Amino acid sequence: MSAPPTPASPPPTAPPSSTSSSPAMFGSCWSCRLLSGSALILSAGYVYQAARRTMRQGGPTSMGTVAQIVFASGLAAWGMVVIMDPVGKATKKTKDP
């Protein structure tokens, strides 16, 4: 006995993407970029001050303290990138024939 043939099923379709119209995460929303970028910069300042407080109290500079300072500089750089939005401004200009 053989199994009956199964009908061919249509290929699955992908759900429509709601973000296909916006090229960047924040798009051209200046206030969104300013708010989130400044929040990242302020959090970098908080992490940096926590590391400096340990060093100021006479504690040894350990790898954890160095990692905190590196992490704080990464947060600050990320905040600047969000505010400046260099990717959104890098559009390729093409010549019209």
PDB file of N, CA and C in Angstrom:
ATOM      1  N   MET A   1       0.841  -1.173   0.000  1.00  0.00           N
ATOM      2  CA  MET A   1       0.000   0.000   0.000  1.00  0.00           C
ATOM      3  C   MET A   1       0.887   1.236   0.000  1.00  0.00           C
ATOM      4  N   SER A   2       0.543   2.127  -0.839  1.00  0.00           N
ATOM      5  CA  SER A   2       1.309   3.369  -0.911  1.00  0.00           C
ATOM      6  C   SER A   2       0.434   4.515  -0.424  1.00  0.00           C
ATOM      7  N   ALA A   3       1.084   5.545   0.063  1.00  0.00           N
ATOM      8  CA  ALA A   3       0.359   6.711   0.576  1.00  0.00           C
ATOM      9  C   ALA A   3      -0.154   7.531  -0.595  1.00  0.00           C
ATOM     10  N   PRO A   4      -1.312   8.162  -0.416  1.00  0.00           N
ATOM     11  CA  PRO A   4      -1.827   8.982  -1.507  1.00  0.00           C
ATOM     12  C   PRO A   4      -0.929  10.206  -1.704  1.00  0.00           C
ATOM     13  N   PRO A   5      -0.823  10.683  -2.937  1.00  0.00           N
ATOM     14  CA  PRO A   5       0.042  11.845  -3.191  1.00  0.00           C
ATOM     15  C   PRO A   5      -0.512  13.083  -2.493  1.00  0.00           C
ATOM     16  N   THR A   6       0.403  13.883  -1.976  1.00  0.00           N
ATOM     17  CA  THR A   6      -0.013  15.120  -1.304  1.00  0.00           C
ATOM     18  C   THR A   6      -0.036  16.260  -2.309  1.00  0.00           C
ATOM     19  N   PRO A   7      -1.009  17.132  -2.213  1.00  0.00           N
ATOM     20  CA  PRO A   7      -1.056  18.249  -3.157  1.00  0.00           C
ATOM     21  C   PRO A   7       0.101  19.217  -2.883  1.00  0.00           C
ATOM     22  N   ALA A   8       0.562  19.851  -3.920  1.00  0.00           N
ATOM     23  CA  ALA A   8       1.661  20.809  -3.792  1.00  0.00           C
ATOM     24  C   ALA A   8       1.174  22.037  -3.035  1.00  0.00           C
ATOM     25  N   SER A   9       1.926  22.420  -2.026  1.00  0.00           N
ATOM     26  CA  SER A   9       1.536  23.590  -1.241  1.00  0.00           C
ATOM     27  C   SER A   9       2.228  24.825  -1.812  1.00  0.00           C
ATOM     28  N   PRO A  10       1.555  25.969  -1.744  1.00  0.00           N
ATOM     29  CA  PRO A  10       2.184  27.189  -2.258  1.00  0.00           C
ATOM     30  C   PRO A  10       3.358  27.578  -1.371  1.00  0.00           C
ATOM     31  N   PRO A  11       4.361  28.242  -1.935  1.00  0.00           N
ATOM     32  CA  PRO A  11       5.513  28.650  -1.130  1.00  0.00           C
ATOM     33  C   PRO A  11       5.087  29.662  -0.076  1.00  0.00           C
ATOM     34  N   PRO A  12       5.719  29.609   1.100  1.00  0.00           N
ATOM     35  CA  PRO A  12       5.353  30.565   2.154  1.00  0.00           C
ATOM     36  C   PRO A  12       5.752  31.981   1.753  1.00  0.00           C
ATOM     37  N   THR A  13       4.936  32.911   2.120  1.00  0.00           N
ATOM     38  CA  THR A  13       5.225  34.309   1.825  1.00  0.00           C
ATOM     39  C   THR A  13       5.665  35.001   3.093  1.00  0.00           C
ATOM     40  N   ALA A  14       6.546  35.961   2.929  1.00  0.00           N
ATOM     41  CA  ALA A  14       7.041  36.723   4.077  1.00  0.00           C
ATOM     42  C   ALA A  14       6.010  37.780   4.452  1.00  0.00           C
ATOM     43  N   PRO A  15       5.839  38.024   5.761  1.00  0.00           N
ATOM     44  CA  PRO A  15       4.900  39.070   6.166  1.00  0.00           C
ATOM     45  C   PRO A  15       5.408  40.434   5.717  1.00  0.00           C
ATOM     46  N   PRO A  16       4.525  41.349   5.423  1.00  0.00           N
ATOM     47  CA  PRO A  16       4.983  42.672   4.980  1.00  0.00           C
ATOM     48  C   PRO A  16       5.739  43.369   6.092  1.00  0.00           C
ATOM     49  N   SER A  17       6.811  44.005   5.721  1.00  0.00           N
ATOM     50  CA  SER A  17       7.654  44.707   6.692  1.00  0.00           C
ATOM     51  C   SER A  17       7.152  46.141   6.847  1.00  0.00           C
ATOM     52  N   SER A  18       6.958  46.540   8.105  1.00  0.00           N
ATOM     53  CA  SER A  18       6.480  47.900   8.347  1.00  0.00           C
ATOM     54  C   SER A  18       7.612  48.912   8.340  1.00  0.00           C
ATOM     55  N   THR A  19       8.860  48.441   8.437  1.00  0.00           N
ATOM     56  CA  THR A  19       9.988  49.358   8.483  1.00  0.00           C
ATOM     57  C   THR A  19      10.671  49.515   7.134  1.00  0.00           C
ATOM     58  N   SER A  20      10.067  48.991   6.080  1.00  0.00           N
ATOM     59  CA  SER A  20      10.725  49.075   4.787  1.00  0.00           C
ATOM     60  C   SER A  20      10.761  50.509   4.256  1.00  0.00           C
ATOM     61  N   SER A  21       9.879  51.378   4.733  1.00  0.00           N
ATOM     62  CA  SER A  21       9.866  52.743   4.232  1.00  0.00           C
ATOM     63  C   SER A  21      10.896  53.631   4.927  1.00  0.00           C
ATOM     64  N   SER A  22      11.328  53.294   6.142  1.00  0.00           N
ATOM     65  CA  SER A  22      12.301  54.127   6.842  1.00  0.00           C
ATOM     66  C   SER A  22      13.690  53.530   6.685  1.00  0.00           C
ATOM     67  N   PRO A  23      14.646  54.277   6.114  1.00  0.00           N
ATOM     68  CA  PRO A  23      15.972  53.732   5.858  1.00  0.00           C
ATOM     69  C   PRO A  23      16.815  53.574   7.117  1.00  0.00           C
ATOM     70  N   ALA A  24      16.698  54.453   8.073  1.00  0.00           N
ATOM     71  CA  ALA A  24      17.496  54.396   9.290  1.00  0.00           C
ATOM     72  C   ALA A  24      16.596  54.118  10.485  1.00  0.00           C
ATOM     73  N   MET A  25      17.218  53.761  11.594  1.00  0.00           N
ATOM     74  CA  MET A  25      16.430  53.436  12.775  1.00  0.00           C
ATOM     75  C   MET A  25      15.605  54.631  13.247  1.00  0.00           C
ATOM     76  N   PHE A  26      16.211  55.807  13.311  1.00  0.00           N
ATOM     77  CA  PHE A  26      15.510  56.985  13.781  1.00  0.00           C
ATOM     78  C   PHE A  26      15.019  57.862  12.628  1.00  0.00           C
ATOM     79  N   GLY A  27      15.368  57.477  11.426  1.00  0.00           N
ATOM     80  CA  GLY A  27      14.938  58.251  10.271  1.00  0.00           C
ATOM     81  C   GLY A  27      15.448  59.676  10.334  1.00  0.00           C
ATOM     82  N   SER A  28      14.582  60.600  10.108  1.00  0.00           N
ATOM     83  CA  SER A  28      14.980  62.001  10.156  1.00  0.00           C
ATOM     84  C   SER A  28      14.431  62.683  11.403  1.00  0.00           C
ATOM     85  N   CYS A  29      14.145  61.933  12.436  1.00  0.00           N
ATOM     86  CA  CYS A  29      13.596  62.475  13.674  1.00  0.00           C
ATOM     87  C   CYS A  29      14.747  63.043  14.511  1.00  0.00           C
ATOM     88  N   TRP A  30      14.967  64.345  14.408  1.00  0.00           N
ATOM     89  CA  TRP A  30      16.073  64.994  15.103  1.00  0.00           C
ATOM     90  C   TRP A  30      15.932  64.876  16.610  1.00  0.00           C
ATOM     91  N   SER A  31      14.712  65.055  17.133  1.00  0.00           N
ATOM     92  CA  SER A  31      14.533  64.999  18.586  1.00  0.00           C
ATOM     93  C   SER A  31      14.776  63.590  19.114  1.00  0.00           C
ATOM     94  N   CYS A  32      14.428  62.562  18.343  1.00  0.00           N
ATOM     95  CA  CYS A  32      14.682  61.179  18.767  1.00  0.00           C
ATOM     96  C   CYS A  32      16.179  60.913  18.839  1.00  0.00           C
ATOM     97  N   ARG A  33      16.906  61.359  17.817  1.00  0.00           N
ATOM     98  CA  ARG A  33      18.355  61.153  17.810  1.00  0.00           C
ATOM     99  C   ARG A  33      19.021  61.932  18.928  1.00  0.00           C
ATOM    100  N   LEU A  34      18.573  63.164  19.168  1.00  0.00           N
ATOM    101  CA  LEU A  34      19.170  63.989  20.208  1.00  0.00           C
ATOM    102  C   LEU A  34      18.905  63.409  21.599  1.00  0.00           C
ATOM    103  N   LEU A  35      17.699  62.950  21.832  1.00  0.00           N
ATOM    104  CA  LEU A  35      17.350  62.398  23.138  1.00  0.00           C
ATOM    105  C   LEU A  35      18.102  61.100  23.426  1.00  0.00           C
ATOM    106  N   SER A  36      18.100  60.184  22.470  1.00  0.00           N
ATOM    107  CA  SER A  36      18.764  58.905  22.718  1.00  0.00           C
ATOM    108  C   SER A  36      20.282  59.058  22.729  1.00  0.00           C
ATOM    109  N   GLY A  37      20.826  59.908  21.875  1.00  0.00           N
ATOM    110  CA  GLY A  37      22.272  60.126  21.873  1.00  0.00           C
ATOM    111  C   GLY A  37      22.759  60.790  23.143  1.00  0.00           C
ATOM    112  N   SER A  38      22.009  61.772  23.629  1.00  0.00           N
ATOM    113  CA  SER A  38      22.421  62.418  24.878  1.00  0.00           C
ATOM    114  C   SER A  38      22.250  61.478  26.069  1.00  0.00           C
ATOM    115  N   ALA A  39      21.270  60.590  26.024  1.00  0.00           N
ATOM    116  CA  ALA A  39      21.130  59.608  27.097  1.00  0.00           C
ATOM    117  C   ALA A  39      22.321  58.655  27.112  1.00  0.00           C
ATOM    118  N   LEU A  40      22.807  58.261  25.943  1.00  0.00           N
ATOM    119  CA  LEU A  40      23.991  57.411  25.885  1.00  0.00           C
ATOM    120  C   LEU A  40      25.226  58.144  26.395  1.00  0.00           C
ATOM    121  N   ILE A  41      25.355  59.420  26.072  1.00  0.00           N
ATOM    122  CA  ILE A  41      26.515  60.194  26.535  1.00  0.00           C
ATOM    123  C   ILE A  41      26.457  60.392  28.048  1.00  0.00           C
ATOM    124  N   LEU A  42      25.277  60.653  28.581  1.00  0.00           N
ATOM    125  CA  LEU A  42      25.148  60.795  30.038  1.00  0.00           C
ATOM    126  C   LEU A  42      25.427  59.481  30.763  1.00  0.00           C
ATOM    127  N   SER A  43      24.991  58.370  30.193  1.00  0.00           N
ATOM    128  CA  SER A  43      25.290  57.091  30.825  1.00  0.00           C
ATOM    129  C   SER A  43      26.788  56.791  30.758  1.00  0.00           C
ATOM    130  N   ALA A  44      27.445  57.238  29.693  1.00  0.00           N
ATOM    131  CA  ALA A  44      28.895  57.083  29.617  1.00  0.00           C
ATOM    132  C   ALA A  44      29.581  57.894  30.713  1.00  0.00           C
ATOM    133  N   GLY A  45      29.082  59.099  30.971  1.00  0.00           N
ATOM    134  CA  GLY A  45      29.640  59.902  32.051  1.00  0.00           C
ATOM    135  C   GLY A  45      29.458  59.256  33.407  1.00  0.00           C
ATOM    136  N   TYR A  46      28.310  58.612  33.613  1.00  0.00           N
ATOM    137  CA  TYR A  46      28.055  57.932  34.888  1.00  0.00           C
ATOM    138  C   TYR A  46      29.011  56.752  35.074  1.00  0.00           C
ATOM    139  N   VAL A  47      29.203  55.959  34.032  1.00  0.00           N
ATOM    140  CA  VAL A  47      30.101  54.807  34.125  1.00  0.00           C
ATOM    141  C   VAL A  47      31.534  55.281  34.335  1.00  0.00           C
ATOM    142  N   TYR A  48      31.925  56.349  33.654  1.00  0.00           N
ATOM    143  CA  TYR A  48      33.283  56.888  33.800  1.00  0.00           C
ATOM    144  C   TYR A  48      33.508  57.413  35.212  1.00  0.00           C
ATOM    145  N   GLN A  49      32.532  58.126  35.759  1.00  0.00           N
ATOM    146  CA  GLN A  49      32.682  58.652  37.124  1.00  0.00           C
ATOM    147  C   GLN A  49      32.774  57.531  38.151  1.00  0.00           C
ATOM    148  N   ALA A  50      32.060  56.438  37.930  1.00  0.00           N
ATOM    149  CA  ALA A  50      32.160  55.302  38.859  1.00  0.00           C
ATOM    150  C   ALA A  50      33.566  54.714  38.840  1.00  0.00           C
ATOM    151  N   ALA A  51      34.166  54.641  37.667  1.00  0.00           N
ATOM    152  CA  ALA A  51      35.538  54.138  37.581  1.00  0.00           C
ATOM    153  C   ALA A  51      36.521  55.129  38.196  1.00  0.00           C
ATOM    154  N   ARG A  52      36.324  56.417  37.963  1.00  0.00           N
ATOM    155  CA  ARG A  52      37.218  57.430  38.527  1.00  0.00           C
ATOM    156  C   ARG A  52      37.105  57.490  40.045  1.00  0.00           C
ATOM    157  N   ARG A  53      35.905  57.255  40.576  1.00  0.00           N
ATOM    158  CA  ARG A  53      35.712  57.281  42.029  1.00  0.00           C
ATOM    159  C   ARG A  53      36.562  56.195  42.698  1.00  0.00           C
ATOM    160  N   THR A  54      36.633  55.031  42.069  1.00  0.00           N
ATOM    161  CA  THR A  54      37.453  53.948  42.615  1.00  0.00           C
ATOM    162  C   THR A  54      38.924  54.330  42.604  1.00  0.00           C
ATOM    163  N   MET A  55      39.374  54.951  41.528  1.00  0.00           N
ATOM    164  CA  MET A  55      40.780  55.340  41.443  1.00  0.00           C
ATOM    165  C   MET A  55      41.090  56.502  42.378  1.00  0.00           C
ATOM    166  N   ARG A  56      40.135  57.421  42.559  1.00  0.00           N
ATOM    167  CA  ARG A  56      40.353  58.581  43.412  1.00  0.00           C
ATOM    168  C   ARG A  56      40.458  58.181  44.882  1.00  0.00           C
ATOM    169  N   GLN A  57      39.790  57.113  45.274  1.00  0.00           N
ATOM    170  CA  GLN A  57      39.828  56.676  46.667  1.00  0.00           C
ATOM    171  C   GLN A  57      41.108  55.921  46.991  1.00  0.00           C
ATOM    172  N   GLY A  58      41.994  55.826  46.041  1.00  0.00           N
ATOM    173  CA  GLY A  58      43.293  55.200  46.300  1.00  0.00           C
ATOM    174  C   GLY A  58      43.313  53.722  45.970  1.00  0.00           C
ATOM    175  N   GLY A  59      42.273  53.233  45.354  1.00  0.00           N
ATOM    176  CA  GLY A  59      42.251  51.826  44.967  1.00  0.00           C
ATOM    177  C   GLY A  59      43.176  51.581  43.788  1.00  0.00           C
ATOM    178  N   PRO A  60      43.616  50.348  43.672  1.00  0.00           N
ATOM    179  CA  PRO A  60      44.511  50.044  42.544  1.00  0.00           C
ATOM    180  C   PRO A  60      43.740  50.058  41.219  1.00  0.00           C
ATOM    181  N   THR A  61      44.460  50.398  40.174  1.00  0.00           N
ATOM    182  CA  THR A  61      43.845  50.390  38.845  1.00  0.00           C
ATOM    183  C   THR A  61      43.853  48.956  38.341  1.00  0.00           C
ATOM    184  N   SER A  62      42.693  48.325  38.403  1.00  0.00           N
ATOM    185  CA  SER A  62      42.594  46.925  37.983  1.00  0.00           C
ATOM    186  C   SER A  62      42.084  46.843  36.554  1.00  0.00           C
ATOM    187  N   MET A  63      42.012  45.645  36.040  1.00  0.00           N
ATOM    188  CA  MET A  63      41.485  45.442  34.689  1.00  0.00           C
ATOM    189  C   MET A  63      40.006  45.794  34.631  1.00  0.00           C
ATOM    190  N   GLY A  64      39.295  45.627  35.738  1.00  0.00           N
ATOM    191  CA  GLY A  64      37.883  45.992  35.776  1.00  0.00           C
ATOM    192  C   GLY A  64      37.683  47.489  35.628  1.00  0.00           C
ATOM    193  N   THR A  65      38.546  48.264  36.269  1.00  0.00           N
ATOM    194  CA  THR A  65      38.463  49.719  36.156  1.00  0.00           C
ATOM    195  C   THR A  65      38.783  50.171  34.734  1.00  0.00           C
ATOM    196  N   VAL A  66      39.793  49.564  34.143  1.00  0.00           N
ATOM    197  CA  VAL A  66      40.136  49.890  32.759  1.00  0.00           C
ATOM    198  C   VAL A  66      38.991  49.508  31.827  1.00  0.00           C
ATOM    199  N   ALA A  67      38.367  48.366  32.081  1.00  0.00           N
ATOM    200  CA  ALA A  67      37.239  47.932  31.256  1.00  0.00           C
ATOM    201  C   ALA A  67      36.064  48.905  31.384  1.00  0.00           C
ATOM    202  N   GLN A  68      35.848  49.443  32.591  1.00  0.00           N
ATOM    203  CA  GLN A  68      34.786  50.432  32.772  1.00  0.00           C
ATOM    204  C   GLN A  68      35.055  51.696  31.966  1.00  0.00           C
ATOM    205  N   ILE A  69      36.296  52.150  31.967  1.00  0.00           N
ATOM    206  CA  ILE A  69      36.630  53.360  31.225  1.00  0.00           C
ATOM    207  C   ILE A  69      36.508  53.122  29.723  1.00  0.00           C
ATOM    208  N   VAL A  70      36.930  51.960  29.248  1.00  0.00           N
ATOM    209  CA  VAL A  70      36.799  51.636  27.826  1.00  0.00           C
ATOM    210  C   VAL A  70      35.324  51.537  27.442  1.00  0.00           C
ATOM    211  N   PHE A  71      34.524  50.921  28.306  1.00  0.00           N
ATOM    212  CA  PHE A  71      33.090  50.808  28.045  1.00  0.00           C
ATOM    213  C   PHE A  71      32.438  52.183  28.018  1.00  0.00           C
ATOM    214  N   ALA A  72      32.861  53.057  28.913  1.00  0.00           N
ATOM    215  CA  ALA A  72      32.314  54.419  28.941  1.00  0.00           C
ATOM    216  C   ALA A  72      32.673  55.176  27.661  1.00  0.00           C
ATOM    217  N   SER A  73      33.886  55.004  27.179  1.00  0.00           N
ATOM    218  CA  SER A  73      34.253  55.684  25.933  1.00  0.00           C
ATOM    219  C   SER A  73      33.489  55.106  24.749  1.00  0.00           C
ATOM    220  N   GLY A  74      33.189  53.822  24.777  1.00  0.00           N
ATOM    221  CA  GLY A  74      32.371  53.217  23.729  1.00  0.00           C
ATOM    222  C   GLY A  74      30.949  53.751  23.746  1.00  0.00           C
ATOM    223  N   LEU A  75      30.385  53.914  24.949  1.00  0.00           N
ATOM    224  CA  LEU A  75      29.046  54.489  25.055  1.00  0.00           C
ATOM    225  C   LEU A  75      29.007  55.929  24.545  1.00  0.00           C
ATOM    226  N   ALA A  76      30.038  56.693  24.879  1.00  0.00           N
ATOM    227  CA  ALA A  76      30.084  58.083  24.418  1.00  0.00           C
ATOM    228  C   ALA A  76      30.208  58.148  22.901  1.00  0.00           C
ATOM    229  N   ALA A  77      31.026  57.282  22.326  1.00  0.00           N
ATOM    230  CA  ALA A  77      31.167  57.264  20.870  1.00  0.00           C
ATOM    231  C   ALA A  77      29.863  56.851  20.203  1.00  0.00           C
ATOM    232  N   TRP A  78      29.173  55.884  20.781  1.00  0.00           N
ATOM    233  CA  TRP A  78      27.893  55.436  20.242  1.00  0.00           C
ATOM    234  C   TRP A  78      26.865  56.578  20.292  1.00  0.00           C
ATOM    235  N   GLY A  79      26.874  57.327  21.394  1.00  0.00           N
ATOM    236  CA  GLY A  79      25.977  58.466  21.508  1.00  0.00           C
ATOM    237  C   GLY A  79      26.258  59.525  20.461  1.00  0.00           C
ATOM    238  N   MET A  80      27.534  59.782  20.195  1.00  0.00           N
ATOM    239  CA  MET A  80      27.885  60.763  19.172  1.00  0.00           C
ATOM    240  C   MET A  80      27.466  60.288  17.783  1.00  0.00           C
ATOM    241  N   VAL A  81      27.606  58.999  17.522  1.00  0.00           N
ATOM    242  CA  VAL A  81      27.202  58.462  16.226  1.00  0.00           C
ATOM    243  C   VAL A  81      25.691  58.578  16.048  1.00  0.00           C
ATOM    244  N   VAL A  82      24.935  58.323  17.111  1.00  0.00           N
ATOM    245  CA  VAL A  82      23.483  58.439  17.007  1.00  0.00           C
ATOM    246  C   VAL A  82      23.080  59.884  16.745  1.00  0.00           C
ATOM    247  N   ILE A  83      23.727  60.820  17.409  1.00  0.00           N
ATOM    248  CA  ILE A  83      23.381  62.228  17.218  1.00  0.00           C
ATOM    249  C   ILE A  83      23.801  62.713  15.832  1.00  0.00           C
ATOM    250  N   MET A  84      25.012  62.399  15.397  1.00  0.00           N
ATOM    251  CA  MET A  84      25.520  62.890  14.116  1.00  0.00           C
ATOM    252  C   MET A  84      24.884  62.185  12.925  1.00  0.00           C
ATOM    253  N   ASP A  85      24.517  60.922  13.061  1.00  0.00           N
ATOM    254  CA  ASP A  85      23.893  60.111  12.008  1.00  0.00           C
ATOM    255  C   ASP A  85      24.692  60.147  10.711  1.00  0.00           C
ATOM    256  N   PRO A  86      25.954  59.640  10.727  1.00  0.00           N
ATOM    257  CA  PRO A  86      26.758  59.715   9.508  1.00  0.00           C
ATOM    258  C   PRO A  86      26.256  58.794   8.400  1.00  0.00           C
ATOM    259  N   VAL A  87      25.586  57.715   8.720  1.00  0.00           N
ATOM    260  CA  VAL A  87      25.110  56.786   7.703  1.00  0.00           C
ATOM    261  C   VAL A  87      23.934  57.386   6.943  1.00  0.00           C
ATOM    262  N   GLY A  88      23.049  58.079   7.630  1.00  0.00           N
ATOM    263  CA  GLY A  88      21.900  58.670   6.977  1.00  0.00           C
ATOM    264  C   GLY A  88      22.277  59.788   6.023  1.00  0.00           C
ATOM    265  N   LYS A  89      23.417  60.434   6.261  1.00  0.00           N
ATOM    266  CA  LYS A  89      23.847  61.541   5.406  1.00  0.00           C
ATOM    267  C   LYS A  89      24.672  61.067   4.216  1.00  0.00           C
ATOM    268  N   ALA A  90      25.134  59.837   4.259  1.00  0.00           N
ATOM    269  CA  ALA A  90      25.977  59.313   3.195  1.00  0.00           C
ATOM    270  C   ALA A  90      25.119  58.736   2.082  1.00  0.00           C
ATOM    271  N   THR A  91      24.564  59.599   1.277  1.00  0.00           N
ATOM    272  CA  THR A  91      23.771  59.147   0.144  1.00  0.00           C
ATOM    273  C   THR A  91      24.584  59.316  -1.117  1.00  0.00           C
ATOM    274  N   LYS A  92      24.442  58.377  -2.001  1.00  0.00           N
ATOM    275  CA  LYS A  92      25.202  58.384  -3.236  1.00  0.00           C
ATOM    276  C   LYS A  92      24.466  59.245  -4.271  1.00  0.00           C
ATOM    277  N   LYS A  93      25.178  60.204  -4.820  1.00  0.00           N
ATOM    278  CA  LYS A  93      24.585  61.069  -5.838  1.00  0.00           C
ATOM    279  C   LYS A  93      24.875  60.456  -7.206  1.00  0.00           C
ATOM    280  N   THR A  94      23.846  60.307  -7.992  1.00  0.00           N
ATOM    281  CA  THR A  94      24.013  59.749  -9.325  1.00  0.00           C
ATOM    282  C   THR A  94      23.733  60.811 -10.362  1.00  0.00           C
ATOM    283  N   LYS A  95      24.407  60.690 -11.479  1.00  0.00           N
ATOM    284  CA  LYS A  95      24.184  61.622 -12.580  1.00  0.00           C
ATOM    285  C   LYS A  95      22.968  61.171 -13.375  1.00  0.00           C
ATOM    286  N   ASP A  96      22.118  62.112 -13.701  1.00  0.00           N
ATOM    287  CA  ASP A  96      20.983  61.804 -14.554  1.00  0.00           C
ATOM    288  C   ASP A  96      21.430  61.928 -16.004  1.00  0.00           C
ATOM    289  N   PRO A  97      21.132  60.925 -16.843  1.00  0.00           N
ATOM    290  CA  PRO A  97      21.566  61.002 -18.244  1.00  0.00           C
ATOM    291  C   PRO A  97      20.790  62.010 -19.038  1.00  0.00           C
TER     292      PRO A  97
END
